[in-house]
Every structure is written in structure tokens, then in C-alpha cells.
Amino acid sequence: MFMLSWMGVLSWVMLIFSYIIAIMSDSFFFIWFSFELNLVSFIYLMWDMKTIASINSMVKYFLIQSLISMLFLFMLMMFEAMNLSYIMSNMMILMMLLKMGVFPFMFWLTDVIEGMSIKILILFLSVQKIIPLYVISLVNFYYLNYIIIFTTLIGMIMMLGQFSIRKFLIFSSMVHSGWMMMGLTMGFKFWMIYLIIYVFILLHLLDFKKLDSFFQMKFLNLNEKIMFMFMMLNLSGLPPFLGFFSKLLILSYLMESNFNIMVYLIILSIFSSYIYMMYMSMMFFSKSYNTYKISYFLNKINNFMLFLGLMLILVVVLFIYF
């Protein structure tokens, strides 16, 4: 038991140290080393539950992250020797997008999260993005705005009809990842402040460790429902909650530098808030599982109309911006 506790503490220290190495390093080889250190420590933390589901998640996560690390190292050795900096930067961005699980590489997320404990899920959704976001900030990528637009849009659309809280949070995290990527185009402090606030909001999930589905919310007492509602309002970024101020920081900068993207993100936030409010209304006003089923099919119709509206807005914004 002592050995396990000692290994757990060591894993946490290694995890934190991996972030420090990446951010303080001026060499991509040291960043690759931080990938490996981060992977080893995070895998051990995932092993904490010791269930079949957690083992499956751990193996899938290990295979994907190991592939990224190998490709990253191979790219450094090959492309630097051949002095192909443009290809290297593009490949590096794509690998970091795969590592974070954002557009167009979000296919592996839902399988990996099923076996994670709430504690590990919070880490996975938040601080595990530090290293890939930092690498993206080091590289000039012309198409980053496209990635941000489609990451936030697809993440929001995938939130629709998700009654698994884990899957809902994964796609919600995609939207927030888009905001953080927009913040890193402005400077280190912008995306780091956004990330810190996002971590603080997600920490409230620790109060709902046994809550796996929105169907189970009817079993919460009134105080628990109110706490969960505050967390959802924070995630949606509605004023005057803390999540609003992180978005306001980025929007205030975009007002002077990129007005069209600012308009797009505001419109996206409005529709995202509608989705969060829809789930919260079901929490307070749906009384039975049958009511949930009815609400689900009614929401399918609303979601289709919402999807059409989003597509129209996206076309208009892309036409104006590009």
C-alpha cells in the first residue's frame, strides 16, 4: 500500500514536471521528452481504478499518444536534417491537434474517456492540453483560424443529444479548446488564464463522481441541482459567471484585431448557451425517464432547426471573413 501511494505521488510530480519542462524548454527535443514523461505519469494515474474499462481506456490512450510521440521524434530527425521547416510546422500542428482530440481528429475521444475516473477526466479535459497548446503557440500556422472555427462549431453540434455527461463534457471541451487556441494567437497569458479558469470550473465535477448520465439528475437533491446548474452556467460562459470573464478577455482583444472572428465566437456562444440551458431545463422540469424520452425526440426537431441556422451563420461568416 505504501508503494502504491509513493508511486502515485511520484506520478503527480512527474506530470507537473512534464508541463514545466515543455514550457521552459527552447528545444523541440526537450518537448518530446516532456511528451514521454507526461505519458508515463498519466498512464499510471489512469491505472488507479484497476477496472476492465479503465484498462481499455489506458491501452487506447497509450497507443495513440505513443504514435504521436514516435511521429514527433521521427519528424524532428528527418525534417530538420532536410531543412523543411514549412512541412515540419504543418505536421507538428496536425500532431498536436490529434494529441488534443480536436477537429479533425476527435474520433478517439469517446472511447478513451469511458474508463476514466472523474479526477482523471478533469485532467484529461484541461491541463493535458498545456503541452500541445504551447507547441502550437511556437509554430506559425496559416490555417489555424479554420481549425478554430470548425473545432468550436463541430464541438457544439456534437453536444446536441448527448445524455452521457462524459461525452457532453468532451464535446464541450472541444469548444473551449477552440477558445484557448484563439487565445494562444494573442499571447501566452490569454490562453493560460482561460485554461486556469476552465480547470477551476471543472473541479466542481468532483462533487458529482457517481453522476454518469443526465438521466440521473432527477435523483439529485435541490442543493446538488443548483450546484450542477452553476457549473453548467460557468461552462456556457454566461454573465456574470466566471466563465464569461475568460471569454470576455479574448473577445476584447479580438474587437481590435479580428472583428469577424469575434462576431462568430459571440454567435457561437449564444447557441452554446441555448444548449446548456436546454439540458438544465430538463434537469429541473423532467420528472421521469419517459419524459426524458419525449424531450429527446422533441429536441431532435429543435436541434435540426438549430443545425440549419448554424450552417447558414457559418456560411455568412466564412464569406465575410475569407
Protein backbone atom coordinates (compact mmCIF):
# COMPACT_ATOMS: atom_id res chain seq x y z
CA MET A 1 0.00 0.00 0.00
CA PHE A 2 2.88 2.33 0.82
CA MET A 3 4.46 1.52 -2.53
CA LEU A 4 1.31 2.39 -4.40
CA SER A 5 0.97 5.69 -2.53
CA TRP A 6 4.61 6.51 -3.20
CA MET A 7 4.18 5.73 -6.90
CA GLY A 8 1.06 7.86 -7.01
CA VAL A 9 2.88 10.86 -5.55
CA LEU A 10 5.78 10.30 -7.96
CA SER A 11 3.37 10.19 -10.91
CA TRP A 12 1.83 13.50 -9.91
CA VAL A 13 5.28 15.07 -9.54
CA MET A 14 6.35 13.73 -12.95
CA LEU A 15 3.13 15.02 -14.53
CA ILE A 16 3.67 18.54 -13.19
CA PHE A 17 7.35 18.39 -14.10
CA SER A 18 6.46 17.46 -17.71
CA TYR A 19 4.47 20.68 -18.09
CA ILE A 20 7.33 22.73 -16.65
CA ILE A 21 9.91 21.12 -18.95
CA ALA A 22 7.79 21.81 -22.04
CA ILE A 23 7.05 25.45 -21.22
CA MET A 24 10.59 26.28 -20.08
CA SER A 25 12.32 24.48 -22.94
CA ASP A 26 13.66 26.13 -26.08
CA SER A 27 14.29 22.80 -27.85
CA PHE A 28 11.74 20.55 -29.53
CA PHE A 29 13.72 17.52 -28.36
CA PHE A 30 13.11 18.51 -24.74
CA ILE A 31 9.45 18.98 -25.61
CA TRP A 32 9.43 15.43 -26.99
CA PHE A 33 10.95 14.28 -23.68
CA SER A 34 8.12 16.06 -21.85
CA PHE A 35 5.65 14.08 -24.00
CA GLU A 36 7.19 10.82 -22.81
CA LEU A 37 7.34 11.90 -19.17
CA ASN A 38 3.75 13.09 -19.32
CA LEU A 39 2.56 9.86 -20.93
CA VAL A 40 4.20 7.57 -18.36
CA SER A 41 2.84 9.53 -15.39
CA PHE A 42 -0.67 9.94 -16.82
CA ILE A 43 -0.91 6.23 -17.71
CA TYR A 44 -0.11 5.30 -14.11
CA LEU A 45 -2.79 7.69 -12.85
CA MET A 46 -5.30 6.11 -15.27
CA TRP A 47 -4.38 2.69 -13.83
CA ASP A 48 -5.62 3.84 -10.41
CA MET A 49 -9.16 2.41 -10.87
CA LYS A 50 -7.91 -1.06 -11.99
CA THR A 51 -11.14 -1.97 -13.81
CA ILE A 52 -11.56 -3.52 -17.25
CA ALA A 53 -12.95 -0.24 -18.59
CA SER A 54 -10.01 1.75 -17.21
CA ILE A 55 -7.52 -0.74 -18.69
CA ASN A 56 -9.19 -0.45 -22.11
CA SER A 57 -9.06 3.34 -21.90
CA MET A 58 -5.45 3.23 -20.75
CA VAL A 59 -4.36 0.98 -23.64
CA LYS A 60 -6.15 3.11 -26.25
CA TYR A 61 -4.72 6.31 -24.82
CA PHE A 62 -1.23 4.81 -24.67
CA LEU A 63 -1.32 3.63 -28.30
CA ILE A 64 -2.50 6.99 -29.65
CA GLN A 65 -0.09 9.09 -27.59
CA SER A 66 2.83 6.74 -28.30
CA LEU A 67 2.15 7.02 -32.03
CA ILE A 68 2.19 10.81 -31.75
CA SER A 69 5.48 10.77 -29.81
CA MET A 70 7.13 8.48 -32.35
CA LEU A 71 5.96 10.60 -35.28
CA PHE A 72 7.10 13.75 -33.49
CA LEU A 73 10.59 12.35 -32.93
CA PHE A 74 10.82 11.00 -36.48
CA MET A 75 9.74 14.36 -37.86
CA LEU A 76 12.39 16.20 -35.83
CA MET A 77 15.16 13.92 -37.05
CA MET A 78 14.12 13.85 -40.70
CA PHE A 79 12.81 17.33 -41.44
CA GLU A 80 15.45 19.28 -39.52
CA ALA A 81 18.16 17.37 -41.38
CA MET A 82 16.45 18.20 -44.69
CA ASN A 83 15.64 21.80 -43.62
CA LEU A 84 11.96 21.50 -44.49
CA SER A 85 10.64 23.93 -41.90
CA TYR A 86 7.29 24.60 -43.62
CA ILE A 87 6.36 20.91 -43.83
CA MET A 88 7.66 20.40 -40.31
CA SER A 89 5.46 23.15 -38.86
CA ASN A 90 2.34 21.84 -40.60
CA MET A 91 2.99 18.27 -39.47
CA MET A 92 3.65 19.46 -35.94
CA ILE A 93 0.34 21.30 -35.77
CA LEU A 94 -1.55 18.25 -37.05
CA MET A 95 0.06 16.04 -34.42
CA MET A 96 -0.84 18.48 -31.65
CA LEU A 97 -4.44 18.59 -32.90
CA LEU A 98 -4.51 14.79 -32.77
CA LYS A 99 -2.99 14.85 -29.29
CA MET A 100 -5.72 17.21 -28.03
CA GLY A 101 -8.51 15.42 -29.90
CA VAL A 102 -9.89 18.46 -31.74
CA PHE A 103 -11.03 18.88 -35.34
CA PRO A 104 -10.39 16.88 -37.45
CA PHE A 105 -9.03 14.25 -35.01
CA MET A 106 -11.79 13.93 -32.41
CA PHE A 107 -12.70 10.33 -33.34
CA TRP A 108 -10.78 8.66 -30.48
CA LEU A 109 -12.04 10.74 -27.56
CA THR A 110 -15.33 9.00 -26.74
CA ASP A 111 -13.72 5.55 -26.49
CA VAL A 112 -10.91 6.70 -24.22
CA ILE A 113 -12.99 8.59 -21.64
CA GLU A 114 -15.35 5.75 -20.71
CA GLY A 115 -12.94 4.12 -18.26
CA MET A 116 -11.62 7.31 -16.68
CA SER A 117 -12.41 8.36 -13.15
CA ILE A 118 -13.74 11.89 -12.67
CA LYS A 119 -10.35 13.00 -11.33
CA ILE A 120 -8.54 11.74 -14.44
CA LEU A 121 -11.27 13.09 -16.72
CA ILE A 122 -10.74 16.59 -15.32
CA LEU A 123 -7.00 16.31 -16.01
CA PHE A 124 -7.64 14.97 -19.50
CA LEU A 125 -10.06 17.77 -20.40
CA SER A 126 -7.89 20.58 -19.07
CA VAL A 127 -4.22 20.50 -18.08
CA GLN A 128 -3.34 17.73 -20.53
CA LYS A 129 -3.82 20.37 -23.23
CA ILE A 130 -0.98 22.54 -21.88
CA ILE A 131 1.87 20.94 -23.84
CA PRO A 132 0.13 20.68 -27.25
CA LEU A 133 -1.23 24.22 -26.93
CA TYR A 134 2.22 25.51 -26.09
CA VAL A 135 3.71 23.73 -29.13
CA ILE A 136 1.03 25.26 -31.37
CA SER A 137 1.92 28.69 -30.00
CA LEU A 138 5.52 28.19 -31.16
CA VAL A 139 4.60 27.43 -34.76
CA ASN A 140 3.19 29.72 -37.43
CA PHE A 141 0.16 28.03 -38.97
CA TYR A 142 -1.82 29.94 -41.59
CA TYR A 143 -4.92 27.76 -41.32
CA LEU A 144 -5.29 27.95 -37.54
CA ASN A 145 -8.37 30.16 -37.81
CA TYR A 146 -10.05 27.48 -39.92
CA ILE A 147 -9.24 24.90 -37.25
CA ILE A 148 -10.66 27.15 -34.53
CA ILE A 149 -13.88 27.77 -36.45
CA PHE A 150 -14.58 24.13 -37.21
CA THR A 151 -13.44 22.87 -33.79
CA THR A 152 -15.84 25.16 -31.96
CA LEU A 153 -18.68 24.55 -34.41
CA ILE A 154 -18.42 20.75 -34.54
CA GLY A 155 -17.88 20.54 -30.79
CA MET A 156 -21.09 22.48 -30.20
CA ILE A 157 -23.09 20.43 -32.70
CA MET A 158 -21.87 17.17 -31.13
CA MET A 159 -23.09 18.39 -27.73
CA LEU A 160 -26.64 18.13 -29.04
CA GLY A 161 -28.47 14.97 -27.99
CA GLN A 162 -25.67 13.76 -25.68
CA PHE A 163 -27.15 12.33 -22.49
CA SER A 164 -23.86 10.92 -21.27
CA ILE A 165 -22.27 13.59 -19.10
CA ARG A 166 -18.79 12.40 -20.04
CA LYS A 167 -19.46 12.69 -23.78
CA PHE A 168 -21.16 16.04 -23.27
CA LEU A 169 -18.11 17.35 -21.42
CA ILE A 170 -15.76 16.00 -24.11
CA PHE A 171 -17.51 17.96 -26.85
CA SER A 172 -17.89 20.96 -24.57
CA SER A 173 -14.12 20.74 -24.07
CA MET A 174 -13.67 20.88 -27.84
CA VAL A 175 -15.45 24.23 -27.87
CA HIS A 176 -13.27 25.52 -25.05
CA SER A 177 -10.18 24.20 -26.83
CA GLY A 178 -11.12 26.39 -29.78
CA TRP A 179 -11.28 29.40 -27.47
CA MET A 180 -7.90 28.50 -25.98
CA MET A 181 -6.37 28.17 -29.45
CA MET A 182 -7.71 31.61 -30.26
CA GLY A 183 -6.16 32.86 -27.02
CA LEU A 184 -2.74 31.47 -27.86
CA THR A 185 -2.68 33.53 -31.07
CA MET A 186 -2.79 36.58 -28.80
CA GLY A 187 -0.15 35.60 -26.28
CA PHE A 188 0.76 33.19 -23.50
CA LYS A 189 -1.24 34.91 -20.77
CA PHE A 190 -4.53 34.83 -22.71
CA TRP A 191 -4.82 31.07 -23.17
CA MET A 192 -3.24 30.32 -19.79
CA ILE A 193 -5.78 32.49 -17.93
CA TYR A 194 -8.58 30.83 -19.90
CA LEU A 195 -7.21 27.38 -19.04
CA ILE A 196 -6.87 28.16 -15.32
CA ILE A 197 -10.48 29.35 -15.14
CA TYR A 198 -11.61 26.28 -17.09
CA VAL A 199 -9.80 23.97 -14.64
CA PHE A 200 -11.39 25.77 -11.70
CA ILE A 201 -14.86 25.26 -13.21
CA LEU A 202 -14.25 21.57 -13.93
CA LEU A 203 -13.13 20.94 -10.34
CA HIS A 204 -16.80 21.13 -9.36
CA LEU A 205 -17.23 17.76 -11.10
CA LEU A 206 -15.57 16.18 -8.06
CA ASP A 207 -18.87 16.72 -6.24
CA PHE A 208 -20.67 14.53 -8.81
CA LYS A 209 -18.42 11.47 -9.06
CA LYS A 210 -21.30 9.00 -9.40
CA LEU A 211 -23.24 11.01 -11.96
CA ASP A 212 -22.75 9.42 -15.39
CA SER A 213 -25.89 10.42 -17.27
CA PHE A 214 -28.25 13.36 -17.42
CA PHE A 215 -30.99 10.80 -16.71
CA GLN A 216 -29.62 10.50 -13.18
CA MET A 217 -30.01 14.18 -12.41
CA LYS A 218 -33.58 13.63 -11.22
CA PHE A 219 -32.13 11.79 -8.20
CA LEU A 220 -30.15 14.83 -7.07
CA ASN A 221 -31.47 16.94 -4.24
CA LEU A 222 -32.20 20.63 -4.74
CA ASN A 223 -28.82 21.84 -3.47
CA GLU A 224 -26.97 19.41 -5.75
CA LYS A 225 -29.06 20.51 -8.72
CA ILE A 226 -28.26 24.14 -8.02
CA MET A 227 -24.52 23.37 -7.75
CA PHE A 228 -24.63 21.43 -11.03
CA MET A 229 -26.55 24.27 -12.64
CA PHE A 230 -23.88 26.79 -11.58
CA MET A 231 -21.19 24.58 -13.10
CA MET A 232 -23.11 24.39 -16.39
CA LEU A 233 -23.67 28.15 -16.43
CA ASN A 234 -19.95 28.67 -15.88
CA LEU A 235 -19.13 26.32 -18.75
CA SER A 236 -21.58 28.12 -21.00
CA GLY A 237 -19.86 31.44 -20.33
CA LEU A 238 -22.98 33.35 -19.36
CA PRO A 239 -22.52 36.61 -17.44
CA PRO A 240 -21.88 37.25 -14.58
CA PHE A 241 -20.27 33.85 -14.02
CA LEU A 242 -16.53 33.24 -14.06
CA GLY A 243 -16.56 31.50 -17.45
CA PHE A 244 -17.88 34.71 -19.00
CA PHE A 245 -14.81 36.73 -17.98
CA SER A 246 -12.38 34.30 -19.63
CA LYS A 247 -14.28 34.67 -22.90
CA LEU A 248 -14.58 38.43 -22.43
CA LEU A 249 -10.78 38.69 -22.16
CA ILE A 250 -10.37 37.10 -25.60
CA LEU A 251 -13.29 38.96 -27.19
CA SER A 252 -11.97 42.33 -26.01
CA TYR A 253 -8.70 41.64 -27.81
CA LEU A 254 -10.46 40.40 -30.95
CA MET A 255 -12.54 43.56 -31.09
CA GLU A 256 -9.45 45.43 -32.22
CA SER A 257 -7.58 42.71 -34.10
CA ASN A 258 -10.15 40.42 -35.77
CA PHE A 259 -13.72 41.68 -35.63
CA ASN A 260 -15.22 38.97 -37.88
CA ILE A 261 -13.91 36.11 -35.75
CA MET A 262 -15.22 37.96 -32.69
CA VAL A 263 -18.71 38.09 -34.20
CA TYR A 264 -18.55 34.38 -35.00
CA LEU A 265 -17.50 33.47 -31.44
CA ILE A 266 -20.25 35.61 -29.94
CA ILE A 267 -22.88 33.93 -32.12
CA LEU A 268 -21.44 30.54 -31.23
CA SER A 269 -21.58 31.38 -27.51
CA ILE A 270 -25.24 32.33 -27.81
CA PHE A 271 -26.13 28.99 -29.40
CA SER A 272 -23.92 27.12 -26.90
CA SER A 273 -25.73 28.82 -24.04
CA TYR A 274 -29.03 27.67 -25.52
CA ILE A 275 -27.78 24.06 -25.44
CA TYR A 276 -26.64 24.33 -21.82
CA MET A 277 -29.96 25.89 -20.83
CA MET A 278 -31.83 23.10 -22.61
CA TYR A 279 -30.08 20.47 -20.50
CA MET A 280 -30.62 22.45 -17.31
CA SER A 281 -34.35 22.84 -18.03
CA MET A 282 -34.62 19.06 -18.38
CA MET A 283 -32.89 18.69 -15.02
CA PHE A 284 -35.49 20.79 -13.24
CA PHE A 285 -38.67 20.08 -15.18
CA SER A 286 -38.39 16.46 -16.41
CA LYS A 287 -39.89 14.10 -13.82
CA SER A 288 -39.47 10.64 -15.31
CA TYR A 289 -37.50 8.61 -17.79
CA ASN A 290 -40.46 8.68 -20.21
CA THR A 291 -40.42 12.45 -20.07
CA TYR A 292 -36.76 12.34 -20.95
CA LYS A 293 -37.53 10.19 -23.98
CA ILE A 294 -40.24 12.57 -25.14
CA SER A 295 -37.96 15.54 -24.58
CA TYR A 296 -35.26 13.75 -26.55
CA PHE A 297 -37.39 13.34 -29.68
CA LEU A 298 -38.79 16.87 -29.41
CA ASN A 299 -35.28 18.20 -29.06
CA LYS A 300 -34.24 16.31 -32.19
CA ILE A 301 -36.57 18.57 -34.17
CA ASN A 302 -35.26 21.69 -32.45
CA ASN A 303 -31.72 20.51 -32.95
CA PHE A 304 -32.26 20.07 -36.68
CA MET A 305 -33.54 23.63 -36.98
CA LEU A 306 -30.65 24.83 -34.83
CA PHE A 307 -28.21 22.96 -37.07
CA LEU A 308 -29.63 24.61 -40.20
CA GLY A 309 -29.32 28.02 -38.57
CA LEU A 310 -25.73 27.33 -37.59
CA MET A 311 -24.83 26.26 -41.10
CA LEU A 312 -26.31 29.46 -42.50
CA ILE A 313 -24.42 31.58 -39.99
CA LEU A 314 -21.19 29.73 -40.72
CA VAL A 315 -21.54 30.29 -44.46
CA VAL A 316 -22.15 34.01 -43.91
CA VAL A 317 -19.22 34.38 -41.52
CA LEU A 318 -16.84 32.47 -43.78
CA PHE A 319 -17.95 34.57 -46.74
CA ILE A 320 -17.31 37.80 -44.84
CA TYR A 321 -14.03 36.67 -43.29
CA PHE A 322 -12.43 34.92 -46.21
